[in-house]
Amino acid sequence: MKSNGFSRLEILRTGVALAIAVAILGTGAIALPSLATAENTELPPVKGPQLEADALAAIESVHEAAAMLVEPAKEKAVDVARALPKGAASVARTTTSIAKPIATGALKAAPSAAGFVRATAHEAIKMKKGLLPMIPSRFRRAEEGVTIPVSLTQYCVQGETRRGRQTRHGILAADPRIFPLARYVDVYLGKDYLGRYLVDDTGGNVLGATVDIWNPNCREARKFGRHWGSAVLIAREVEQIPIAEAPTRWEGLAER
């Protein structure tokens, strides 16, 4: 009986509480929060802690230091360049003075031969001795009208040439793989025209891109030494056309 009475009492209390709650909501005394109102409400900005003037100055100094990092790098590069030994600069100048005529001659060549470099006399001799691998393409035949960088020397040997003629003015020795025998070439020492010579001879060390001009004076031939120059193979149809430039000491069309 007590348990039934207790249950009825709890049910009654719960019913009364619900009735009171409904009455309060109905009168508007308590309103539930509206989501729409929350979305449209503009919240005031929250102010964080303000940096002090000293902190702002420190940040600005960091920016300036970062911008100046490039300058020390430039100064280091200059210091390294100044620290190079004078000998290295001399070697660079010497290399440039040797390589420039070769590159200039190659660029003046015909498009089919542009950039092609033939073996120097030094390289050709090493190939002959087996000190360097033989590369046949480095001895490609000269093309008519194409400027070929060469080393220039002189010789004074008296006797027969490779073609069985007597050594004489107006001839030179060359590597027949590049400059064929019985053909004429115009020879230049820098910008100076030395003359038109007949390829009439060869030599044991006259290999690669080199020409050896005959000079009857052995003292002058030795004094001449070795220089960088250029040679142009002349087309057969213009071989005998007179040269406009003034003749030099070793100039003169040799008879075939």
Protein backbone atom coordinates (compact mmCIF):
# COMPACT_ATOMS: atom_id res chain seq x y z
CA MET A 1 0.00 0.00 0.00
CA LYS A 2 2.82 2.42 0.85
CA SER A 3 4.60 1.75 -2.37
CA ASN A 4 1.51 2.46 -4.39
CA GLY A 5 0.92 5.66 -2.48
CA PHE A 6 4.53 6.77 -3.03
CA SER A 7 4.26 6.20 -6.77
CA ARG A 8 1.08 8.17 -7.02
CA LEU A 9 2.65 11.03 -5.11
CA GLU A 10 5.70 11.13 -7.47
CA ILE A 11 3.49 11.08 -10.53
CA LEU A 12 1.45 13.96 -9.12
CA ARG A 13 4.57 16.04 -8.40
CA THR A 14 5.91 15.45 -11.90
CA GLY A 15 2.60 16.50 -13.47
CA VAL A 16 2.53 19.70 -11.43
CA ALA A 17 6.12 20.57 -12.46
CA LEU A 18 5.31 20.10 -16.15
CA ALA A 19 2.23 22.30 -15.86
CA ILE A 20 4.24 25.08 -14.25
CA ALA A 21 6.91 24.89 -16.94
CA VAL A 22 4.36 25.09 -19.75
CA ALA A 23 2.74 28.08 -18.08
CA ILE A 24 6.04 29.94 -17.77
CA LEU A 25 6.99 29.36 -21.42
CA GLY A 26 3.54 30.39 -22.56
CA THR A 27 3.76 33.75 -20.82
CA GLY A 28 7.22 34.53 -22.34
CA ALA A 29 8.86 35.02 -18.99
CA ILE A 30 11.74 32.77 -20.21
CA ALA A 31 12.75 32.65 -23.92
CA LEU A 32 14.99 30.06 -25.44
CA PRO A 33 18.06 31.47 -27.33
CA SER A 34 17.49 31.98 -31.09
CA LEU A 35 20.14 30.71 -33.55
CA ALA A 36 19.22 33.38 -36.09
CA THR A 37 19.81 36.09 -33.52
CA ALA A 38 23.23 34.63 -32.69
CA GLU A 39 24.24 34.55 -36.36
CA ASN A 40 23.30 38.20 -36.96
CA THR A 41 24.91 39.51 -33.83
CA GLU A 42 28.23 41.32 -34.52
CA LEU A 43 30.73 40.50 -31.84
CA PRO A 44 33.03 43.31 -30.76
CA PRO A 45 36.68 42.84 -31.81
CA VAL A 46 38.91 41.33 -29.20
CA LYS A 47 42.04 43.40 -28.68
CA GLY A 48 45.17 41.42 -28.05
CA PRO A 49 48.25 42.60 -26.23
CA GLN A 50 49.95 45.55 -27.96
CA LEU A 51 53.72 45.32 -28.81
CA GLU A 52 55.95 47.77 -27.15
CA ALA A 53 58.00 50.27 -29.20
CA ASP A 54 61.24 48.42 -28.37
CA ALA A 55 59.85 45.15 -29.75
CA LEU A 56 58.75 46.84 -32.98
CA ALA A 57 62.21 48.35 -33.40
CA ALA A 58 63.85 44.95 -32.89
CA ILE A 59 61.66 43.38 -35.60
CA GLU A 60 62.55 46.17 -38.05
CA SER A 61 66.26 45.65 -37.39
CA VAL A 62 65.89 41.94 -38.24
CA HIS A 63 64.29 42.86 -41.60
CA GLU A 64 67.14 45.24 -42.42
CA ALA A 65 69.76 42.64 -41.49
CA ALA A 66 68.12 40.06 -43.77
CA ALA A 67 68.11 42.49 -46.69
CA MET A 68 71.83 43.13 -46.22
CA LEU A 69 72.82 39.44 -46.39
CA VAL A 70 73.44 39.71 -50.16
CA GLU A 71 76.12 42.38 -49.80
CA PRO A 72 78.54 40.27 -47.71
CA ALA A 73 78.18 37.51 -50.29
CA LYS A 74 79.28 39.92 -53.04
CA GLU A 75 82.19 41.10 -50.90
CA LYS A 76 83.28 37.49 -50.31
CA ALA A 77 83.25 36.83 -54.05
CA VAL A 78 85.40 39.89 -54.66
CA ASP A 79 87.79 38.84 -51.91
CA VAL A 80 88.17 35.38 -53.48
CA ALA A 81 88.87 36.88 -56.88
CA ARG A 82 91.50 39.19 -55.38
CA ALA A 83 93.07 36.26 -53.57
CA LEU A 84 93.72 34.30 -56.78
CA PRO A 85 97.44 33.97 -57.48
CA LYS A 86 98.82 36.10 -60.29
CA GLY A 87 100.06 32.92 -61.96
CA ALA A 88 96.49 31.68 -62.42
CA ALA A 89 95.49 34.92 -64.13
CA SER A 90 98.50 34.65 -66.40
CA VAL A 91 97.56 31.08 -67.37
CA ALA A 92 94.00 32.22 -68.13
CA ARG A 93 95.26 35.01 -70.39
CA THR A 94 97.62 32.64 -72.19
CA THR A 95 94.86 30.07 -72.72
CA THR A 96 92.57 32.74 -74.11
CA SER A 97 95.22 34.04 -76.49
CA ILE A 98 95.68 30.52 -77.88
CA ALA A 99 92.04 29.47 -78.00
CA LYS A 100 90.61 32.71 -79.41
CA PRO A 101 92.17 32.42 -82.90
CA ILE A 102 90.95 28.83 -83.18
CA ALA A 103 87.41 29.72 -82.16
CA THR A 104 87.39 32.74 -84.49
CA GLY A 105 88.51 30.62 -87.43
CA ALA A 106 85.87 27.99 -86.70
CA LEU A 107 83.08 30.56 -86.58
CA LYS A 108 84.15 32.02 -89.91
CA ALA A 109 83.88 28.60 -91.53
CA ALA A 110 80.98 27.48 -93.67
CA PRO A 111 77.84 26.35 -91.80
CA SER A 112 78.65 22.68 -92.51
CA ALA A 113 82.06 23.08 -90.87
CA ALA A 114 81.15 25.57 -88.15
CA GLY A 115 82.60 24.59 -84.80
CA PHE A 116 84.70 21.75 -86.28
CA VAL A 117 88.22 21.62 -84.82
CA ARG A 118 91.01 19.65 -86.48
CA ALA A 119 93.89 18.09 -84.60
CA THR A 120 96.75 20.43 -83.79
CA ALA A 121 100.28 19.47 -84.75
CA HIS A 122 101.00 18.52 -81.13
CA GLU A 123 97.91 16.31 -80.90
CA ALA A 124 98.57 14.73 -84.31
CA ILE A 125 102.14 13.79 -83.30
CA LYS A 126 100.85 12.19 -80.08
CA MET A 127 98.28 10.23 -82.10
CA LYS A 128 101.03 9.05 -84.42
CA LYS A 129 103.07 7.83 -81.44
CA GLY A 130 100.07 6.12 -79.90
CA LEU A 131 99.96 8.45 -76.93
CA LEU A 132 96.47 9.56 -77.94
CA PRO A 133 93.77 7.54 -79.71
CA MET A 134 93.68 8.10 -83.44
CA ILE A 135 90.55 10.02 -84.49
CA PRO A 136 90.28 10.14 -88.30
CA SER A 137 87.59 12.83 -88.21
CA ARG A 138 90.12 15.26 -86.71
CA PHE A 139 91.97 15.14 -90.07
CA ARG A 140 89.00 15.95 -92.28
CA ARG A 141 89.87 17.32 -95.73
CA ALA A 142 89.80 21.11 -96.03
CA GLU A 143 86.88 22.60 -97.91
CA GLU A 144 87.45 25.19 -100.62
CA GLY A 145 87.05 28.73 -99.34
CA VAL A 146 86.78 27.69 -95.68
CA THR A 147 89.16 29.33 -93.20
CA ILE A 148 91.03 26.75 -91.12
CA PRO A 149 93.04 27.74 -88.00
CA VAL A 150 96.59 26.38 -88.35
CA SER A 151 99.98 26.65 -86.72
CA LEU A 152 102.64 28.24 -88.92
CA THR A 153 106.30 27.17 -89.11
CA GLN A 154 109.13 27.46 -91.62
CA TYR A 155 111.73 25.00 -92.88
CA CYS A 156 114.85 25.38 -95.04
CA VAL A 157 115.65 21.82 -96.15
CA GLN A 158 117.28 21.73 -99.59
CA GLY A 159 116.31 18.82 -101.80
CA GLU A 160 113.33 17.13 -103.36
CA THR A 161 109.80 17.65 -102.21
CA ARG A 162 107.24 14.91 -101.74
CA ARG A 163 106.13 15.48 -105.32
CA GLY A 164 109.69 15.04 -106.63
CA ARG A 165 110.36 18.73 -107.26
CA GLN A 166 113.19 20.90 -105.96
CA THR A 167 112.41 22.94 -102.86
CA ARG A 168 111.85 26.56 -103.87
CA HIS A 169 110.04 29.80 -103.07
CA GLY A 170 106.27 29.64 -102.94
CA ILE A 171 105.86 26.10 -101.61
CA LEU A 172 104.99 24.67 -98.27
CA ALA A 173 104.63 21.33 -96.54
CA ALA A 174 101.31 20.21 -95.07
CA ASP A 175 99.39 17.17 -93.93
CA PRO A 176 97.91 15.80 -97.20
CA ARG A 177 94.90 14.46 -95.31
CA ILE A 178 93.83 18.07 -94.70
CA PHE A 179 95.53 20.04 -97.49
CA PRO A 180 95.96 17.81 -100.56
CA LEU A 181 99.18 17.92 -102.59
CA ALA A 182 99.31 20.00 -105.78
CA ARG A 183 96.70 22.46 -104.42
CA TYR A 184 97.12 26.12 -103.50
CA VAL A 185 96.34 27.72 -100.15
CA ASP A 186 96.23 31.34 -99.01
CA VAL A 187 98.11 31.73 -95.73
CA TYR A 188 97.53 34.42 -93.08
CA LEU A 189 99.45 35.33 -89.95
CA GLY A 190 96.76 36.98 -87.89
CA LYS A 191 95.34 39.60 -90.27
CA ASP A 192 98.52 39.79 -92.33
CA TYR A 193 98.42 38.03 -95.66
CA LEU A 194 101.59 35.98 -96.25
CA GLY A 195 100.80 34.80 -99.76
CA ARG A 196 99.48 31.96 -101.89
CA TYR A 197 101.50 28.76 -101.65
CA LEU A 198 101.56 25.45 -103.45
CA VAL A 199 101.22 22.37 -101.25
CA ASP A 200 104.23 20.51 -102.63
CA ASP A 201 105.79 18.79 -99.65
CA THR A 202 105.10 16.84 -96.47
CA GLY A 203 107.06 16.20 -93.28
CA GLY A 204 107.37 13.70 -90.46
CA ASN A 205 106.15 16.26 -87.93
CA VAL A 206 104.01 18.31 -90.32
CA LEU A 207 100.79 16.70 -89.13
CA GLY A 208 97.34 17.98 -88.37
CA ALA A 209 96.29 21.58 -88.84
CA THR A 210 99.74 23.03 -89.59
CA VAL A 211 101.64 24.41 -92.59
CA ASP A 212 105.41 24.59 -92.94
CA ILE A 213 106.54 27.35 -95.34
CA TRP A 214 109.83 26.89 -97.15
CA ASN A 215 112.44 29.61 -96.56
CA PRO A 216 115.95 29.38 -98.06
CA ASN A 217 117.40 31.19 -95.03
CA CYS A 218 117.71 28.64 -92.22
CA ARG A 219 118.45 31.31 -89.62
CA GLU A 220 115.24 33.16 -90.46
CA ALA A 221 113.29 29.90 -90.50
CA ARG A 222 114.44 29.01 -86.98
CA LYS A 223 113.81 32.53 -85.75
CA PHE A 224 110.28 32.46 -87.11
CA GLY A 225 109.36 29.68 -84.66
CA ARG A 226 105.70 28.68 -84.42
CA HIS A 227 102.74 31.02 -84.70
CA TRP A 228 98.97 30.78 -84.93
CA GLY A 229 97.46 31.67 -88.25
CA SER A 230 94.97 30.41 -90.82
CA ALA A 231 94.89 28.84 -94.26
CA VAL A 232 92.24 28.72 -96.98
CA LEU A 233 92.14 26.05 -99.68
CA ILE A 234 91.76 27.76 -103.06
CA ALA A 235 89.27 26.49 -105.64
CA ARG A 236 90.95 25.18 -108.78
CA GLU A 237 89.18 27.65 -111.06
CA VAL A 238 90.73 30.66 -109.27
CA GLU A 239 94.20 29.29 -108.47
CA GLN A 240 96.01 31.36 -111.08
CA ILE A 241 94.15 34.64 -110.52
CA PRO A 242 96.69 37.30 -109.43
CA ILE A 243 96.67 38.30 -105.77
CA ALA A 244 95.59 41.89 -105.07
CA GLU A 245 97.67 42.24 -101.87
CA ALA A 246 101.31 43.29 -102.02
CA PRO A 247 103.69 40.29 -102.02
CA THR A 248 105.66 39.45 -98.90
CA ARG A 249 109.11 37.97 -98.43
CA TRP A 250 107.87 34.39 -98.94
CA GLU A 251 105.07 35.09 -101.40
CA GLY A 252 105.06 33.81 -104.96
CA LEU A 253 103.10 31.34 -107.05
CA ALA A 254 105.27 28.30 -107.49
CA GLU A 255 105.03 26.42 -110.77
CA ARG A 256 103.39 23.07 -110.53
